Amino acid sequence: MRTSKKRVIYRQGDVWLYRLTEKEFSDRTRIAIPRDRKQGIVLAEGEVTGHHHKIRKGGRLYQDGRQNSVRLLSASGPVSLTHEEHETIELPAGKYEVRIQREYEPQAVSRQSYVRD
């Protein structure tokens, strides 16, 4: 009998958080990203609205040293992910990979851009 592991995913608008195992997290090269004193941890900023996907208290944010576009979140306790236009998401303690949704634009030169909110 084969067992499959299901990836736990959290989503708030264009921000996706993939739950990582301790091993998956520890195998990554991490560069700490400082916390913004006023905002806390900002996962994504809205270019149009100025709204932020953020965690005010708890957690640490890292840049993946091998993949510049990937961020990693470590939460030693439960944290709240907030945004002005979305419901707050309560994340349990754990390690997460943070991804920002992209739009596909066939006519554009690069054909991909981050979703603008």
PDB file of N, CA and C in Angstrom:
ATOM      1  N   MET A   1       0.841  -1.180   0.000  1.00  0.00           N
ATOM      2  CA  MET A   1       0.000   0.000   0.000  1.00  0.00           C
ATOM      3  C   MET A   1       0.884   1.239   0.000  1.00  0.00           C
ATOM      4  N   ARG A   2       0.526   2.186  -0.781  1.00  0.00           N
ATOM      5  CA  ARG A   2       1.302   3.407  -0.927  1.00  0.00           C
ATOM      6  C   ARG A   2       0.632   4.547  -0.178  1.00  0.00           C
ATOM      7  N   THR A   3       1.410   5.271   0.627  1.00  0.00           N
ATOM      8  CA  THR A   3       0.842   6.432   1.303  1.00  0.00           C
ATOM      9  C   THR A   3       1.386   7.684   0.640  1.00  0.00           C
ATOM     10  N   SER A   4       0.559   8.687   0.526  1.00  0.00           N
ATOM     11  CA  SER A   4       1.004   9.941  -0.077  1.00  0.00           C
ATOM     12  C   SER A   4       0.955  11.046   0.970  1.00  0.00           C
ATOM     13  N   LYS A   5       1.941  11.911   0.890  1.00  0.00           N
ATOM     14  CA  LYS A   5       1.967  13.051   1.784  1.00  0.00           C
ATOM     15  C   LYS A   5       1.261  14.202   1.093  1.00  0.00           C
ATOM     16  N   LYS A   6       0.331  14.805   1.788  1.00  0.00           N
ATOM     17  CA  LYS A   6      -0.349  15.961   1.239  1.00  0.00           C
ATOM     18  C   LYS A   6       0.315  17.214   1.792  1.00  0.00           C
ATOM     19  N   ARG A   7       0.617  18.147   0.926  1.00  0.00           N
ATOM     20  CA  ARG A   7       1.227  19.415   1.312  1.00  0.00           C
ATOM     21  C   ARG A   7       0.145  20.318   1.885  1.00  0.00           C
ATOM     22  N   VAL A   8       0.381  20.879   3.059  1.00  0.00           N
ATOM     23  CA  VAL A   8      -0.553  21.821   3.652  1.00  0.00           C
ATOM     24  C   VAL A   8      -0.248  23.198   3.073  1.00  0.00           C
ATOM     25  N   ILE A   9      -1.278  23.842   2.521  1.00  0.00           N
ATOM     26  CA  ILE A   9      -1.113  25.137   1.870  1.00  0.00           C
ATOM     27  C   ILE A   9      -2.099  26.127   2.478  1.00  0.00           C
ATOM     28  N   TYR A  10      -1.609  27.327   2.737  1.00  0.00           N
ATOM     29  CA  TYR A  10      -2.447  28.426   3.193  1.00  0.00           C
ATOM     30  C   TYR A  10      -2.396  29.496   2.114  1.00  0.00           C
ATOM     31  N   ARG A  11      -3.530  30.178   1.889  1.00  0.00           N
ATOM     32  CA  ARG A  11      -3.569  31.208   0.850  1.00  0.00           C
ATOM     33  C   ARG A  11      -4.331  32.416   1.358  1.00  0.00           C
ATOM     34  N   GLN A  12      -3.751  33.586   1.105  1.00  0.00           N
ATOM     35  CA  GLN A  12      -4.422  34.852   1.396  1.00  0.00           C
ATOM     36  C   GLN A  12      -4.198  35.748   0.181  1.00  0.00           C
ATOM     37  N   GLY A  13      -5.232  35.877  -0.654  1.00  0.00           N
ATOM     38  CA  GLY A  13      -5.083  36.658  -1.883  1.00  0.00           C
ATOM     39  C   GLY A  13      -4.023  36.047  -2.769  1.00  0.00           C
ATOM     40  N   ASP A  14      -3.009  36.834  -3.129  1.00  0.00           N
ATOM     41  CA  ASP A  14      -1.955  36.350  -4.025  1.00  0.00           C
ATOM     42  C   ASP A  14      -0.759  35.779  -3.279  1.00  0.00           C
ATOM     43  N   VAL A  15      -0.866  35.621  -1.964  1.00  0.00           N
ATOM     44  CA  VAL A  15       0.214  35.041  -1.160  1.00  0.00           C
ATOM     45  C   VAL A  15      -0.137  33.589  -0.823  1.00  0.00           C
ATOM     46  N   TRP A  16       0.797  32.694  -1.117  1.00  0.00           N
ATOM     47  CA  TRP A  16       0.647  31.267  -0.834  1.00  0.00           C
ATOM     48  C   TRP A  16       1.729  30.856   0.146  1.00  0.00           C
ATOM     49  N   LEU A  17       1.366  30.077   1.178  1.00  0.00           N
ATOM     50  CA  LEU A  17       2.336  29.563   2.140  1.00  0.00           C
ATOM     51  C   LEU A  17       2.256  28.044   2.138  1.00  0.00           C
ATOM     52  N   TYR A  18       3.377  27.409   1.841  1.00  0.00           N
ATOM     53  CA  TYR A  18       3.469  25.956   1.790  1.00  0.00           C
ATOM     54  C   TYR A  18       4.167  25.482   3.058  1.00  0.00           C
ATOM     55  N   ARG A  19       3.527  24.627   3.809  1.00  0.00           N
ATOM     56  CA  ARG A  19       4.115  24.114   5.051  1.00  0.00           C
ATOM     57  C   ARG A  19       5.286  23.195   4.712  1.00  0.00           C
ATOM     58  N   LEU A  20       6.432  23.413   5.374  1.00  0.00           N
ATOM     59  CA  LEU A  20       7.630  22.609   5.159  1.00  0.00           C
ATOM     60  C   LEU A  20       7.890  21.723   6.363  1.00  0.00           C
ATOM     61  N   THR A  21       8.562  20.625   6.143  1.00  0.00           N
ATOM     62  CA  THR A  21       9.025  19.809   7.255  1.00  0.00           C
ATOM     63  C   THR A  21      10.290  20.462   7.813  1.00  0.00           C
ATOM     64  N   GLU A  22      10.675  20.072   9.010  1.00  0.00           N
ATOM     65  CA  GLU A  22      11.911  20.597   9.613  1.00  0.00           C
ATOM     66  C   GLU A  22      13.104  20.319   8.702  1.00  0.00           C
ATOM     67  N   LYS A  23      13.141  19.140   8.110  1.00  0.00           N
ATOM     68  CA  LYS A  23      14.260  18.775   7.219  1.00  0.00           C
ATOM     69  C   LYS A  23      14.278  19.652   5.970  1.00  0.00           C
ATOM     70  N   GLU A  24      13.113  19.842   5.345  1.00  0.00           N
ATOM     71  CA  GLU A  24      13.045  20.689   4.157  1.00  0.00           C
ATOM     72  C   GLU A  24      13.540  22.104   4.476  1.00  0.00           C
ATOM     73  N   PHE A  25      13.177  22.602   5.645  1.00  0.00           N
ATOM     74  CA  PHE A  25      13.587  23.946   6.047  1.00  0.00           C
ATOM     75  C   PHE A  25      15.083  23.996   6.360  1.00  0.00           C
ATOM     76  N   SER A  26      15.572  23.026   7.108  1.00  0.00           N
ATOM     77  CA  SER A  26      16.983  23.050   7.511  1.00  0.00           C
ATOM     78  C   SER A  26      17.922  22.798   6.338  1.00  0.00           C
ATOM     79  N   ASP A  27      17.442  22.157   5.271  1.00  0.00           N
ATOM     80  CA  ASP A  27      18.270  21.916   4.085  1.00  0.00           C
ATOM     81  C   ASP A  27      18.454  23.169   3.226  1.00  0.00           C
ATOM     82  N   ARG A  28      17.681  24.214   3.485  1.00  0.00           N
ATOM     83  CA  ARG A  28      17.752  25.443   2.696  1.00  0.00           C
ATOM     84  C   ARG A  28      18.825  26.382   3.235  1.00  0.00           C
ATOM     85  N   THR A  29      19.488  27.083   2.342  1.00  0.00           N
ATOM     86  CA  THR A  29      20.399  28.155   2.726  1.00  0.00           C
ATOM     87  C   THR A  29      19.534  29.374   3.010  1.00  0.00           C
ATOM     88  N   ARG A  30      19.680  29.976   4.205  1.00  0.00           N
ATOM     89  CA  ARG A  30      18.801  31.066   4.602  1.00  0.00           C
ATOM     90  C   ARG A  30      19.577  32.346   4.905  1.00  0.00           C
ATOM     91  N   ILE A  31      19.042  33.463   4.421  1.00  0.00           N
ATOM     92  CA  ILE A  31      19.577  34.785   4.720  1.00  0.00           C
ATOM     93  C   ILE A  31      18.461  35.544   5.437  1.00  0.00           C
ATOM     94  N   ALA A  32      18.699  35.967   6.672  1.00  0.00           N
ATOM     95  CA  ALA A  32      17.661  36.639   7.463  1.00  0.00           C
ATOM     96  C   ALA A  32      17.260  37.968   6.835  1.00  0.00           C
ATOM     97  N   ILE A  33      15.959  38.241   6.817  1.00  0.00           N
ATOM     98  CA  ILE A  33      15.421  39.517   6.360  1.00  0.00           C
ATOM     99  C   ILE A  33      14.953  40.258   7.611  1.00  0.00           C
ATOM    100  N   PRO A  34      15.450  41.467   7.837  1.00  0.00           N
ATOM    101  CA  PRO A  34      15.065  42.183   9.056  1.00  0.00           C
ATOM    102  C   PRO A  34      13.580  42.522   9.092  1.00  0.00           C
ATOM    103  N   ARG A  35      13.045  42.540  10.282  1.00  0.00           N
ATOM    104  CA  ARG A  35      11.646  42.902  10.517  1.00  0.00           C
ATOM    105  C   ARG A  35      11.513  44.417  10.409  1.00  0.00           C
ATOM    106  N   ASP A  36      10.455  44.881   9.763  1.00  0.00           N
ATOM    107  CA  ASP A  36      10.153  46.309   9.693  1.00  0.00           C
ATOM    108  C   ASP A  36       9.565  46.722  11.049  1.00  0.00           C
ATOM    109  N   ARG A  37      10.134  47.731  11.677  1.00  0.00           N
ATOM    110  CA  ARG A  37       9.687  48.121  13.028  1.00  0.00           C
ATOM    111  C   ARG A  37       8.220  48.521  13.090  1.00  0.00           C
ATOM    112  N   LYS A  38       7.718  49.172  12.037  1.00  0.00           N
ATOM    113  CA  LYS A  38       6.323  49.622  12.035  1.00  0.00           C
ATOM    114  C   LYS A  38       5.363  48.542  11.556  1.00  0.00           C
ATOM    115  N   GLN A  39       5.745  47.826  10.508  1.00  0.00           N
ATOM    116  CA  GLN A  39       4.833  46.871   9.872  1.00  0.00           C
ATOM    117  C   GLN A  39       4.945  45.451  10.416  1.00  0.00           C
ATOM    118  N   GLY A  40       6.108  45.049  10.906  1.00  0.00           N
ATOM    119  CA  GLY A  40       6.343  43.657  11.288  1.00  0.00           C
ATOM    120  C   GLY A  40       6.992  42.932  10.123  1.00  0.00           C
ATOM    121  N   ILE A  41       6.549  41.720   9.843  1.00  0.00           N
ATOM    122  CA  ILE A  41       7.057  40.957   8.706  1.00  0.00           C
ATOM    123  C   ILE A  41       6.109  41.185   7.531  1.00  0.00           C
ATOM    124  N   VAL A  42       6.623  41.772   6.466  1.00  0.00           N
ATOM    125  CA  VAL A  42       5.816  42.040   5.271  1.00  0.00           C
ATOM    126  C   VAL A  42       6.123  40.956   4.248  1.00  0.00           C
ATOM    127  N   LEU A  43       5.106  40.145   3.933  1.00  0.00           N
ATOM    128  CA  LEU A  43       5.271  39.079   2.943  1.00  0.00           C
ATOM    129  C   LEU A  43       5.069  39.595   1.530  1.00  0.00           C
ATOM    130  N   ALA A  44       4.171  40.563   1.352  1.00  0.00           N
ATOM    131  CA  ALA A  44       3.921  41.152   0.029  1.00  0.00           C
ATOM    132  C   ALA A  44       3.322  42.533   0.221  1.00  0.00           C
ATOM    133  N   GLU A  45       3.722  43.447  -0.670  1.00  0.00           N
ATOM    134  CA  GLU A  45       3.208  44.811  -0.650  1.00  0.00           C
ATOM    135  C   GLU A  45       2.342  45.036  -1.875  1.00  0.00           C
ATOM    136  N   GLY A  46       1.237  45.729  -1.681  1.00  0.00           N
ATOM    137  CA  GLY A  46       0.376  46.070  -2.811  1.00  0.00           C
ATOM    138  C   GLY A  46       0.887  47.302  -3.518  1.00  0.00           C
ATOM    139  N   GLU A  47       1.262  47.177  -4.788  1.00  0.00           N
ATOM    140  CA  GLU A  47       1.790  48.301  -5.550  1.00  0.00           C
ATOM    141  C   GLU A  47       0.716  49.348  -5.821  1.00  0.00           C
ATOM    142  N   VAL A  48      -0.516  48.904  -6.015  1.00  0.00           N
ATOM    143  CA  VAL A  48      -1.598  49.803  -6.370  1.00  0.00           C
ATOM    144  C   VAL A  48      -2.280  50.361  -5.116  1.00  0.00           C
ATOM    145  N   THR A  49      -2.625  49.486  -4.174  1.00  0.00           N
ATOM    146  CA  THR A  49      -3.403  49.900  -3.001  1.00  0.00           C
ATOM    147  C   THR A  49      -2.546  50.335  -1.816  1.00  0.00           C
ATOM    148  N   GLY A  50      -1.302  49.872  -1.760  1.00  0.00           N
ATOM    149  CA  GLY A  50      -0.461  50.173  -0.603  1.00  0.00           C
ATOM    150  C   GLY A  50      -0.732  49.255   0.575  1.00  0.00           C
ATOM    151  N   HIS A  51      -1.629  48.291   0.399  1.00  0.00           N
ATOM    152  CA  HIS A  51      -1.928  47.333   1.459  1.00  0.00           C
ATOM    153  C   HIS A  51      -0.812  46.287   1.539  1.00  0.00           C
ATOM    154  N   HIS A  52      -0.677  45.660   2.710  1.00  0.00           N
ATOM    155  CA  HIS A  52       0.391  44.690   2.935  1.00  0.00           C
ATOM    156  C   HIS A  52      -0.161  43.377   3.486  1.00  0.00           C
ATOM    157  N   HIS A  53       0.428  42.270   3.047  1.00  0.00           N
ATOM    158  CA  HIS A  53       0.217  40.978   3.683  1.00  0.00           C
ATOM    159  C   HIS A  53       1.313  40.912   4.737  1.00  0.00           C
ATOM    160  N   LYS A  54       0.940  40.902   6.024  1.00  0.00           N
ATOM    161  CA  LYS A  54       1.965  41.029   7.062  1.00  0.00           C
ATOM    162  C   LYS A  54       1.646  40.234   8.315  1.00  0.00           C
ATOM    163  N   ILE A  55       2.715  39.981   9.060  1.00  0.00           N
ATOM    164  CA  ILE A  55       2.631  39.343  10.366  1.00  0.00           C
ATOM    165  C   ILE A  55       3.221  40.346  11.350  1.00  0.00           C
ATOM    166  N   ARG A  56       2.391  40.859  12.251  1.00  0.00           N
ATOM    167  CA  ARG A  56       2.846  41.904  13.174  1.00  0.00           C
ATOM    168  C   ARG A  56       3.744  41.373  14.281  1.00  0.00           C
ATOM    169  N   LYS A  57       3.383  40.229  14.849  1.00  0.00           N
ATOM    170  CA  LYS A  57       4.148  39.697  15.982  1.00  0.00           C
ATOM    171  C   LYS A  57       4.526  38.247  15.744  1.00  0.00           C
ATOM    172  N   GLY A  58       5.746  37.911  16.134  1.00  0.00           N
ATOM    173  CA  GLY A  58       6.208  36.532  16.030  1.00  0.00           C
ATOM    174  C   GLY A  58       6.757  36.217  14.652  1.00  0.00           C
ATOM    175  N   GLY A  59       7.501  35.148  14.585  1.00  0.00           N
ATOM    176  CA  GLY A  59       8.030  34.672  13.317  1.00  0.00           C
ATOM    177  C   GLY A  59       9.300  35.376  12.878  1.00  0.00           C
ATOM    178  N   ARG A  60      10.004  34.723  11.966  1.00  0.00           N
ATOM    179  CA  ARG A  60      11.209  35.274  11.334  1.00  0.00           C
ATOM    180  C   ARG A  60      11.122  34.980   9.851  1.00  0.00           C
ATOM    181  N   LEU A  61      11.583  35.931   9.042  1.00  0.00           N
ATOM    182  CA  LEU A  61      11.527  35.791   7.596  1.00  0.00           C
ATOM    183  C   LEU A  61      12.944  35.675   7.045  1.00  0.00           C
ATOM    184  N   TYR A  62      13.117  34.792   6.064  1.00  0.00           N
ATOM    185  CA  TYR A  62      14.413  34.558   5.432  1.00  0.00           C
ATOM    186  C   TYR A  62      14.257  34.581   3.925  1.00  0.00           C
ATOM    187  N   GLN A  63      15.341  34.912   3.251  1.00  0.00           N
ATOM    188  CA  GLN A  63      15.439  34.762   1.801  1.00  0.00           C
ATOM    189  C   GLN A  63      16.127  33.424   1.562  1.00  0.00           C
ATOM    190  N   ASP A  64      15.644  32.648   0.613  1.00  0.00           N
ATOM    191  CA  ASP A  64      16.308  31.400   0.261  1.00  0.00           C
ATOM    192  C   ASP A  64      17.581  31.770  -0.497  1.00  0.00           C
ATOM    193  N   GLY A  65      18.725  31.366   0.007  1.00  0.00           N
ATOM    194  CA  GLY A  65      20.005  31.713  -0.596  1.00  0.00           C
ATOM    195  C   GLY A  65      20.223  31.143  -1.981  1.00  0.00           C
ATOM    196  N   ARG A  66      19.453  30.112  -2.353  1.00  0.00           N
ATOM    197  CA  ARG A  66      19.618  29.499  -3.670  1.00  0.00           C
ATOM    198  C   ARG A  66      18.589  29.985  -4.679  1.00  0.00           C
ATOM    199  N   GLN A  67      17.430  30.416  -4.193  1.00  0.00           N
ATOM    200  CA  GLN A  67      16.351  30.877  -5.073  1.00  0.00           C
ATOM    201  C   GLN A  67      15.912  32.255  -4.587  1.00  0.00           C
ATOM    202  N   ASN A  68      16.368  33.304  -5.243  1.00  0.00           N
ATOM    203  CA  ASN A  68      16.096  34.664  -4.781  1.00  0.00           C
ATOM    204  C   ASN A  68      14.624  35.009  -4.653  1.00  0.00           C
ATOM    205  N   SER A  69      13.770  34.407  -5.476  1.00  0.00           N
ATOM    206  CA  SER A  69      12.354  34.756  -5.444  1.00  0.00           C
ATOM    207  C   SER A  69      11.592  34.037  -4.331  1.00  0.00           C
ATOM    208  N   VAL A  70      12.259  33.146  -3.588  1.00  0.00           N
ATOM    209  CA  VAL A  70      11.584  32.356  -2.558  1.00  0.00           C
ATOM    210  C   VAL A  70      11.943  32.891  -1.175  1.00  0.00           C
ATOM    211  N   ARG A  71      10.918  33.083  -0.361  1.00  0.00           N
ATOM    212  CA  ARG A  71      11.127  33.475   1.032  1.00  0.00           C
ATOM    213  C   ARG A  71      10.671  32.337   1.932  1.00  0.00           C
ATOM    214  N   LEU A  72      11.261  32.280   3.103  1.00  0.00           N
ATOM    215  CA  LEU A  72      10.941  31.243   4.080  1.00  0.00           C
ATOM    216  C   LEU A  72      10.510  31.905   5.373  1.00  0.00           C
ATOM    217  N   LEU A  73       9.470  31.370   5.991  1.00  0.00           N
ATOM    218  CA  LEU A  73       8.949  31.893   7.247  1.00  0.00           C
ATOM    219  C   LEU A  73       9.088  30.831   8.314  1.00  0.00           C
ATOM    220  N   SER A  74       9.622  31.235   9.465  1.00  0.00           N
ATOM    221  CA  SER A  74       9.724  30.341  10.612  1.00  0.00           C
ATOM    222  C   SER A  74       8.906  30.939  11.747  1.00  0.00           C
ATOM    223  N   ALA A  75       7.946  30.179  12.234  1.00  0.00           N
ATOM    224  CA  ALA A  75       7.084  30.635  13.329  1.00  0.00           C
ATOM    225  C   ALA A  75       7.201  29.654  14.492  1.00  0.00           C
ATOM    226  N   SER A  76       7.790  30.120  15.605  1.00  0.00           N
ATOM    227  CA  SER A  76       7.955  29.237  16.762  1.00  0.00           C
ATOM    228  C   SER A  76       6.654  29.070  17.533  1.00  0.00           C
ATOM    229  N   GLY A  77       5.694  29.941  17.299  1.00  0.00           N
ATOM    230  CA  GLY A  77       4.369  29.846  17.892  1.00  0.00           C
ATOM    231  C   GLY A  77       3.355  30.274  16.849  1.00  0.00           C
ATOM    232  N   PRO A  78       2.068  30.228  17.178  1.00  0.00           N
ATOM    233  CA  PRO A  78       1.051  30.657  16.221  1.00  0.00           C
ATOM    234  C   PRO A  78       1.236  32.131  15.852  1.00  0.00           C
ATOM    235  N   VAL A  79       0.996  32.469  14.581  1.00  0.00           N
ATOM    236  CA  VAL A  79       1.081  33.847  14.107  1.00  0.00           C
ATOM    237  C   VAL A  79      -0.159  34.171  13.270  1.00  0.00           C
ATOM    238  N   SER A  80      -0.463  35.471  13.168  1.00  0.00           N
ATOM    239  CA  SER A  80      -1.616  35.933  12.397  1.00  0.00           C
ATOM    240  C   SER A  80      -1.145  36.655  11.149  1.00  0.00           C
ATOM    241  N   LEU A  81      -1.608  36.195   9.987  1.00  0.00           N
ATOM    242  CA  LEU A  81      -1.316  36.848   8.719  1.00  0.00           C
ATOM    243  C   LEU A  81      -2.497  37.759   8.402  1.00  0.00           C
ATOM    244  N   THR A  82      -2.225  39.080   8.298  1.00  0.00           N
ATOM    245  CA  THR A  82      -3.297  40.046   8.095  1.00  0.00           C
ATOM    246  C   THR A  82      -3.145  40.774   6.767  1.00  0.00           C
ATOM    247  N   HIS A  83      -4.260  41.320   6.306  1.00  0.00           N
ATOM    248  CA  HIS A  83      -4.313  42.158   5.098  1.00  0.00           C
ATOM    249  C   HIS A  83      -5.595  42.970   5.210  1.00  0.00           C
ATOM    250  N   GLU A  84      -5.570  44.187   4.714  1.00  0.00           N
ATOM    251  CA  GLU A  84      -6.714  45.093   4.838  1.00  0.00           C
ATOM    252  C   GLU A  84      -7.960  44.601   4.096  1.00  0.00           C
ATOM    253  N   GLU A  85      -7.796  43.794   3.054  1.00  0.00           N
ATOM    254  CA  GLU A  85      -8.938  43.360   2.246  1.00  0.00           C
ATOM    255  C   GLU A  85      -9.260  41.874   2.366  1.00  0.00           C
ATOM    256  N   HIS A  86      -8.535  41.153   3.210  1.00  0.00           N
ATOM    257  CA  HIS A  86      -8.759  39.712   3.355  1.00  0.00           C
ATOM    258  C   HIS A  86      -8.955  39.356   4.821  1.00  0.00           C
ATOM    259  N   GLU A  87      -9.560  38.212   5.047  1.00  0.00           N
ATOM    260  CA  GLU A  87      -9.695  37.730   6.423  1.00  0.00           C
ATOM    261  C   GLU A  87      -8.327  37.347   6.969  1.00  0.00           C
ATOM    262  N   THR A  88      -8.154  37.524   8.267  1.00  0.00           N
ATOM    263  CA  THR A  88      -6.916  37.136   8.924  1.00  0.00           C
ATOM    264  C   THR A  88      -6.798  35.619   8.931  1.00  0.00           C
ATOM    265  N   ILE A  89      -5.587  35.130   8.673  1.00  0.00           N
ATOM    266  CA  ILE A  89      -5.323  33.693   8.706  1.00  0.00           C
ATOM    267  C   ILE A  89      -4.433  33.411   9.902  1.00  0.00           C
ATOM    268  N   GLU A  90      -4.830  32.451  10.721  1.00  0.00           N
ATOM    269  CA  GLU A  90      -4.028  32.022  11.863  1.00  0.00           C
ATOM    270  C   GLU A  90      -3.159  30.851  11.410  1.00  0.00           C
ATOM    271  N   LEU A  91      -1.846  31.062  11.431  1.00  0.00           N
ATOM    272  CA  LEU A  91      -0.909  30.012  11.035  1.00  0.00           C
ATOM    273  C   LEU A  91      -0.364  29.326  12.272  1.00  0.00           C
ATOM    274  N   PRO A  92      -0.400  28.002  12.325  1.00  0.00           N
ATOM    275  CA  PRO A  92       0.198  27.302  13.467  1.00  0.00           C
ATOM    276  C   PRO A  92       1.719  27.390  13.416  1.00  0.00           C
ATOM    277  N   ALA A  93       2.353  27.149  14.547  1.00  0.00           N
ATOM    278  CA  ALA A  93       3.817  27.129  14.597  1.00  0.00           C
ATOM    279  C   ALA A  93       4.331  26.185  13.520  1.00  0.00           C
ATOM    280  N   GLY A  94       5.431  26.575  12.879  1.00  0.00           N
ATOM    281  CA  GLY A  94       5.996  25.722  11.839  1.00  0.00           C
ATOM    282  C   GLY A  94       6.879  26.501  10.899  1.00  0.00           C
ATOM    283  N   LYS A  95       7.287  25.839   9.834  1.00  0.00           N
ATOM    284  CA  LYS A  95       8.152  26.407   8.803  1.00  0.00           C
ATOM    285  C   LYS A  95       7.361  26.453   7.500  1.00  0.00           C
ATOM    286  N   TYR A  96       7.524  27.551   6.755  1.00  0.00           N
ATOM    287  CA  TYR A  96       6.734  27.764   5.546  1.00  0.00           C
ATOM    288  C   TYR A  96       7.586  28.321   4.416  1.00  0.00           C
ATOM    289  N   GLU A  97       7.233  27.959   3.194  1.00  0.00           N
ATOM    290  CA  GLU A  97       7.779  28.593   1.996  1.00  0.00           C
ATOM    291  C   GLU A  97       6.727  29.588   1.535  1.00  0.00           C
ATOM    292  N   VAL A  98       7.139  30.829   1.286  1.00  0.00           N
ATOM    293  CA  VAL A  98       6.218  31.894   0.896  1.00  0.00           C
ATOM    294  C   VAL A  98       6.358  32.133  -0.605  1.00  0.00           C
ATOM    295  N   ARG A  99       5.255  32.063  -1.319  1.00  0.00           N
ATOM    296  CA  ARG A  99       5.256  32.311  -2.762  1.00  0.00           C
ATOM    297  C   ARG A  99       4.212  33.376  -3.083  1.00  0.00           C
ATOM    298  N   ILE A 100       4.510  34.185  -4.096  1.00  0.00           N
ATOM    299  CA  ILE A 100       3.580  35.201  -4.570  1.00  0.00           C
ATOM    300  C   ILE A 100       3.062  34.761  -5.932  1.00  0.00           C
ATOM    301  N   GLN A 101       1.737  34.766  -6.086  1.00  0.00           N
ATOM    302  CA  GLN A 101       1.120  34.344  -7.344  1.00  0.00           C
ATOM    303  C   GLN A 101       1.552  35.264  -8.473  1.00  0.00           C
ATOM    304  N   ARG A 102       1.727  34.690  -9.643  1.00  0.00           N
ATOM    305  CA  ARG A 102       2.107  35.463 -10.834  1.00  0.00           C
ATOM    306  C   ARG A 102       1.007  35.395 -11.871  1.00  0.00           C
ATOM    307  N   GLU A 103       0.972  36.413 -12.726  1.00  0.00           N
ATOM    308  CA  GLU A 103       0.037  36.441 -13.837  1.00  0.00           C
ATOM    309  C   GLU A 103       0.781  36.067 -15.115  1.00  0.00           C
ATOM    310  N   TYR A 104       0.123  35.351 -15.989  1.00  0.00           N
ATOM    311  CA  TYR A 104       0.705  35.005 -17.285  1.00  0.00           C
ATOM    312  C   TYR A 104       0.200  36.008 -18.309  1.00  0.00           C
ATOM    313  N   GLU A 105       1.124  36.672 -19.001  1.00  0.00           N
ATOM    314  CA  GLU A 105       0.767  37.654 -20.012  1.00  0.00           C
ATOM    315  C   GLU A 105       1.423  37.254 -21.328  1.00  0.00           C
ATOM    316  N   PRO A 106       0.693  36.633 -22.249  1.00  0.00           N
ATOM    317  CA  PRO A 106       1.274  36.120 -23.494  1.00  0.00           C
ATOM    318  C   PRO A 106       1.941  37.195 -24.358  1.00  0.00           C
ATOM    319  N   GLN A 107       1.440  38.440 -24.326  1.00  0.00           N
ATOM    320  CA  GLN A 107       1.997  39.485 -25.170  1.00  0.00           C
ATOM    321  C   GLN A 107       3.226  40.156 -24.550  1.00  0.00           C
ATOM    322  N   ALA A 108       3.445  39.985 -23.268  1.00  0.00           N
ATOM    323  CA  ALA A 108       4.562  40.656 -22.591  1.00  0.00           C
ATOM    324  C   ALA A 108       5.888  39.987 -22.947  1.00  0.00           C
ATOM    325  N   VAL A 109       6.956  40.743 -22.849  1.00  0.00           N
ATOM    326  CA  VAL A 109       8.284  40.216 -23.164  1.00  0.00           C
ATOM    327  C   VAL A 109       8.653  39.090 -22.197  1.00  0.00           C
ATOM    328  N   SER A 110       8.490  39.311 -20.896  1.00  0.00           N
ATOM    329  CA  SER A 110       8.857  38.277 -19.929  1.00  0.00           C
ATOM    330  C   SER A 110       7.734  37.264 -19.726  1.00  0.00           C
ATOM    331  N   ARG A 111       6.515  37.610 -20.123  1.00  0.00           N
ATOM    332  CA  ARG A 111       5.317  36.772 -20.051  1.00  0.00           C
ATOM    333  C   ARG A 111       4.838  36.462 -18.647  1.00  0.00           C
ATOM    334  N   GLN A 112       5.574  36.858 -17.626  1.00  0.00           N
ATOM    335  CA  GLN A 112       5.107  36.645 -16.266  1.00  0.00           C
ATOM    336  C   GLN A 112       5.321  37.917 -15.474  1.00  0.00           C
ATOM    337  N   SER A 113       4.368  38.226 -14.610  1.00  0.00           N
ATOM    338  CA  SER A 113       4.525  39.345 -13.694  1.00  0.00           C
ATOM    339  C   SER A 113       3.783  38.998 -12.421  1.00  0.00           C
ATOM    340  N   TYR A 114       4.172  39.651 -11.344  1.00  0.00           N
ATOM    341  CA  TYR A 114       3.481  39.416 -10.088  1.00  0.00           C
ATOM    342  C   TYR A 114       2.099  40.022 -10.146  1.00  0.00           C
ATOM    343  N   VAL A 115       1.145  39.394  -9.471  1.00  0.00           N
ATOM    344  CA  VAL A 115      -0.209  39.912  -9.395  1.00  0.00           C
ATOM    345  C   VAL A 115      -0.174  41.253  -8.669  1.00  0.00           C
ATOM    346  N   ARG A 116      -0.876  42.243  -9.179  1.00  0.00           N
ATOM    347  CA  ARG A 116      -0.917  43.554  -8.538  1.00  0.00           C
ATOM    348  C   ARG A 116      -2.249  43.706  -7.830  1.00  0.00           C
ATOM    349  N   ASP A 117      -2.183  44.102  -6.556  1.00  0.00           N
ATOM    350  CA  ASP A 117      -3.443  44.349  -5.848  1.00  0.00           C
ATOM    351  C   ASP A 117      -3.516  45.757  -5.361  1.00  0.00           C
TER     352      ASP A 117
END
